[in-house]
Every structure is written in structure tokens, then in C-alpha cells.
Amino acid sequence: MNGFISHVVYVVIYILFFNMILISSIYASANQLSFDNPSDNPDNNQPIIDPNINYNSFINTNIDLSQPVSVTYLSWGNPQLDPFSPMALVNQYTNSASVVLEFLTDVLFHPNPFRLLDHNAQIGFKTSKDVPEDSMEIQIYDMRGLEVFKATIKDNIQGNEYTKLDFSESTFGKPIPDMSSGVYIFLLLSEGEVLGKGKFVIKP
């Protein structure tokens, strides 16, 4: 008798457990999340991505390369050339053939005055475009108007960046003459045209 009762109790527990599993499965199926692509459901008008975000950058070809330009990144991908954007400025510089070569700053010797024996003098300036080596010439005259030095610059000059050149043989490819103390006038020329000029003083 006790064995029969125990058997019935086991059967009832099994049925209740099975029913709990079945009910849980039905409930989960009725409320499961759908991972279908919204575009596959014509009744779903929800956007897949935020329409306010431009996920694709583009190239604007309507650019006047003779004018300063900037580069902006709307997202990832190719850069957009936008001459009016204040974002992500990249030098605001283009080396177009239409850009006239000129100095954007005064051409200065530093220090000034200086001693030749100190070997620390530099020439500083900024040009509007790149200048290849041997394309710019320096001429130096004393106060009597006599030419004391003439040479071409052997370095490549990067446009729109402030350049400092050593006043030495490494820059001009020839030694600096032993100039006496006094005031000197220098000219910087390109294709025979004077682009910049100034004075420097050599100390005893």
C-alpha cells in the first residue's frame, strides 16, 4: 500500500514538473525578442541607423586649389575638402602652381648681431609654397655695396612652414667668407627676382 502511494506521488510530481517546463516554454516563445532585419518587415518603419548622422564621408571636388583649404572627417573613410570648415585645419596650404612664391614673414637673422666664430647664426622665414634646392639664392653686400658672398640654398624649403637655415657651409654648399665686423645687407632671390632683404651685424 505504501509503495502504491509513493508511486502515485512520484507520478504527480513528474506531471507538475513537466507542466511547469511546458508553460515556461510557451511563455518564452510568446515574448521572445525578434532579431530580424527591420528592412525585411514592411510594417516596421523604425530606422536602422540614426538619420541625423552622416556615416559616409565624401569628396567635394568643387575646390579652388589656389585658395587655402582644410580637411574634415565626417566619419570614417575618405576626407572631405571643405574650404569653409573651422574643423581639422591642415596647414591651410596648397602648393598649386598658381600660388605666387613670396615670403609670408620678414627674413631675419638670429641672433643679430652675432659673431662668425660662434657658428650659431640662422636665417628664419616662411614662404608661400615649396622651394626646391638650388632655387633660391642669397647675396650679401657690405656697406660700400661690394658683394662679399653669393650662393644658392641647398635645402628643400617646405612652404607655409617657418624655416630656419644655418648660416653655414652646410646650407649653401660653400664656406662662409671671413667677413670683418660691421653691417651687411642681404638679398634673397628666386629666378632673379628679389623676394626678401634685410640687414645683419657681425660683432668683432
Foldseek 3Di string as FASTA:
>chain_A
DVVVVVVVVVVVVVVVVVVVVVVVVVVCVVDPDDPDDQVVPPVRPDDPDDPVADQDADEDPPDDLLWFWAWDDSHDDDIYIDRPDPPHGDLSAHQDPPHDKAWPDAWDWPPFAEAVVVQPIKIKTAIRAKDAWQQKKKWKAAPVRDTDDIFTFRHIHGHSDMDIGGPACVGGVDGRDPDDWDKMKMFMDGPRHTRHIDMGTHDD
